[in-house]
Amino acid sequence: MAHTSKSKITVEENPSEQDVRAVREGLNGFNRLHAPEEVYRQMALFLREADGTVSGGLLGETYWGWLHVGILWLEEKKRGQGYGSQLLVAAEQEAVRRACRSVHLDTLSFQALPFYEKNGYSVFGVLDDLPMGHRRFFLFKKLD
């Protein structure tokens, strides 16, 4: 059967906010047919020095009863002093306050897999060669 549609696919590096919103709202509308309305709330925690500069932080969001940790980063000189665990615990506590039951995140083989496992996270999936020669681990944790 031949396509008679005038539709075409475009690749755009700098799409308009309106076009991006159309796709997001389209998916959100579909999702509402099958799941409760999701309320995405940004979460940002920072490790700050006395002068206010940021030496680490955790960025993520909560939705559908889950916390997603997108980024957890510490300056080299702050690593190994417990600040990463403190950021993670503070984010988990805020997630519980937001009625979340679980957390998910991913990390690369050259990043922090042992750190997350030590903090109670379990691997549920792995992608090889992302990036090439390394592995991406997907982890989750149930919250109390």
Protein backbone atom coordinates (compact mmCIF):
# COMPACT_ATOMS: atom_id res chain seq x y z
CA MET A 1 0.00 0.00 0.00
CA ALA A 2 1.50 3.34 -1.03
CA HIS A 3 1.68 6.31 1.33
CA THR A 4 -0.38 9.23 0.06
CA SER A 5 0.22 11.46 3.08
CA LYS A 6 2.06 14.77 2.77
CA SER A 7 3.63 14.25 6.21
CA LYS A 8 7.40 14.36 6.49
CA ILE A 9 9.97 13.77 9.20
CA THR A 10 12.31 16.64 10.10
CA VAL A 11 15.44 16.54 12.26
CA GLU A 12 15.81 19.75 14.29
CA GLU A 13 18.64 20.64 16.65
CA ASN A 14 16.89 23.75 17.99
CA PRO A 15 13.16 23.01 17.94
CA SER A 16 10.66 25.65 19.00
CA GLU A 17 9.29 25.48 22.54
CA GLN A 18 5.80 25.22 20.99
CA ASP A 19 6.72 22.12 18.95
CA VAL A 20 8.39 20.43 21.94
CA ARG A 21 5.35 21.25 24.08
CA ALA A 22 3.04 19.69 21.43
CA VAL A 23 4.91 16.37 21.65
CA ARG A 24 5.07 16.40 25.47
CA GLU A 25 1.39 17.28 25.80
CA GLY A 26 0.48 14.62 23.25
CA LEU A 27 2.26 11.92 25.26
CA ASN A 28 0.87 13.26 28.54
CA GLY A 29 -2.66 13.06 27.11
CA PHE A 30 -2.10 9.46 26.07
CA ASN A 31 -0.58 8.59 29.47
CA ARG A 32 -3.62 10.02 31.30
CA LEU A 33 -5.76 7.36 29.59
CA HIS A 34 -3.75 4.65 31.38
CA ALA A 35 -2.21 6.16 34.53
CA PRO A 36 -2.92 8.99 36.96
CA GLU A 37 -1.86 12.49 36.00
CA GLU A 38 1.87 12.76 36.61
CA VAL A 39 3.10 15.77 38.50
CA TYR A 40 6.77 16.31 37.76
CA ARG A 41 8.51 18.26 40.49
CA GLN A 42 12.12 19.24 40.14
CA MET A 43 14.50 18.36 42.97
CA ALA A 44 17.80 20.14 43.48
CA LEU A 45 20.15 19.73 46.43
CA PHE A 46 23.51 21.49 46.64
CA LEU A 47 26.67 21.12 48.70
CA ARG A 48 27.78 24.71 49.25
CA GLU A 49 30.97 26.16 50.62
CA ALA A 50 31.01 28.98 53.20
CA ASP A 51 31.22 31.53 50.36
CA GLY A 52 28.17 30.03 48.65
CA THR A 53 29.98 28.30 45.80
CA VAL A 54 28.64 24.91 44.76
CA SER A 55 31.03 22.01 45.31
CA GLY A 56 28.49 19.27 44.63
CA GLY A 57 24.85 18.50 44.18
CA LEU A 58 22.03 16.19 43.20
CA LEU A 59 19.53 17.00 40.45
CA GLY A 60 16.41 15.01 39.74
CA GLU A 61 12.65 15.00 39.76
CA THR A 62 9.74 13.21 41.35
CA TYR A 63 6.73 11.77 39.51
CA TRP A 64 4.26 8.86 39.82
CA GLY A 65 5.57 8.07 43.30
CA TRP A 66 9.20 7.79 42.18
CA LEU A 67 12.32 9.89 42.58
CA HIS A 68 14.59 9.93 39.53
CA VAL A 69 18.17 10.96 40.29
CA GLY A 70 19.52 12.45 37.07
CA ILE A 71 22.87 13.77 38.34
CA LEU A 72 24.88 13.35 41.52
CA TRP A 73 28.24 15.10 41.40
CA LEU A 74 30.94 16.15 43.86
CA GLU A 75 34.17 18.05 43.31
CA GLU A 76 37.15 15.70 43.46
CA LYS A 77 38.34 17.10 46.82
CA LYS A 78 34.89 16.45 48.39
CA ARG A 79 34.69 12.77 47.41
CA GLY A 80 35.15 10.02 49.99
CA GLN A 81 34.01 12.23 52.90
CA GLY A 82 30.38 11.12 53.09
CA TYR A 83 28.87 14.08 51.24
CA GLY A 84 27.55 11.90 48.41
CA SER A 85 25.70 9.64 50.83
CA GLN A 86 24.37 12.68 52.68
CA LEU A 87 23.03 14.17 49.43
CA LEU A 88 21.43 10.84 48.51
CA VAL A 89 19.81 10.42 51.94
CA ALA A 90 18.53 14.01 51.91
CA ALA A 91 17.02 13.46 48.43
CA GLU A 92 15.43 10.18 49.56
CA GLN A 93 13.96 11.90 52.63
CA GLU A 94 12.51 14.68 50.46
CA ALA A 95 11.14 12.03 48.08
CA VAL A 96 9.36 10.29 50.98
CA ARG A 97 7.97 13.68 52.04
CA ARG A 98 6.62 13.94 48.46
CA ALA A 99 4.95 10.52 48.88
CA CYS A 100 7.49 8.63 46.73
CA ARG A 101 7.97 4.91 47.33
CA SER A 102 11.06 4.25 45.18
CA VAL A 103 14.09 5.78 43.47
CA HIS A 104 15.69 5.03 40.10
CA LEU A 105 18.91 6.22 38.53
CA ASP A 106 21.70 5.16 36.22
CA THR A 107 25.48 5.28 36.43
CA LEU A 108 28.38 4.39 34.17
CA SER A 109 31.00 1.73 34.84
CA PHE A 110 33.64 4.44 35.42
CA GLN A 111 31.40 6.39 37.79
CA ALA A 112 29.80 5.23 41.05
CA LEU A 113 28.28 1.72 40.91
CA PRO A 114 29.87 0.54 44.21
CA PHE A 115 28.76 3.78 45.90
CA TYR A 116 25.12 3.24 44.93
CA GLU A 117 25.19 -0.44 45.87
CA LYS A 118 26.66 0.51 49.28
CA ASN A 119 23.71 2.89 49.67
CA GLY A 120 21.15 0.14 49.09
CA TYR A 121 20.55 0.36 45.34
CA SER A 122 20.11 -2.75 43.17
CA VAL A 123 20.96 -3.16 39.48
CA PHE A 124 17.97 -4.06 37.31
CA GLY A 125 19.51 -3.54 33.89
CA VAL A 126 22.79 -3.07 32.04
CA LEU A 127 23.66 -1.70 28.60
CA ASP A 128 27.07 -2.61 27.17
CA ASP A 129 29.12 -0.14 25.10
CA LEU A 130 27.32 2.98 26.34
CA PRO A 131 29.72 4.70 25.93
CA MET A 132 31.90 2.39 23.83
CA GLY A 133 34.00 0.11 26.01
CA HIS A 134 31.96 0.86 29.14
CA ARG A 135 28.65 -0.16 30.67
CA ARG A 136 25.59 1.79 31.85
CA PHE A 137 23.91 0.37 34.95
CA PHE A 138 20.28 1.06 35.85
CA LEU A 139 19.49 0.87 39.55
CA PHE A 140 16.54 1.24 41.88
CA LYS A 141 15.79 1.33 45.59
CA LYS A 142 12.53 0.97 47.55
CA LEU A 143 12.05 3.71 50.12
CA ASP A 144 10.72 3.11 53.65
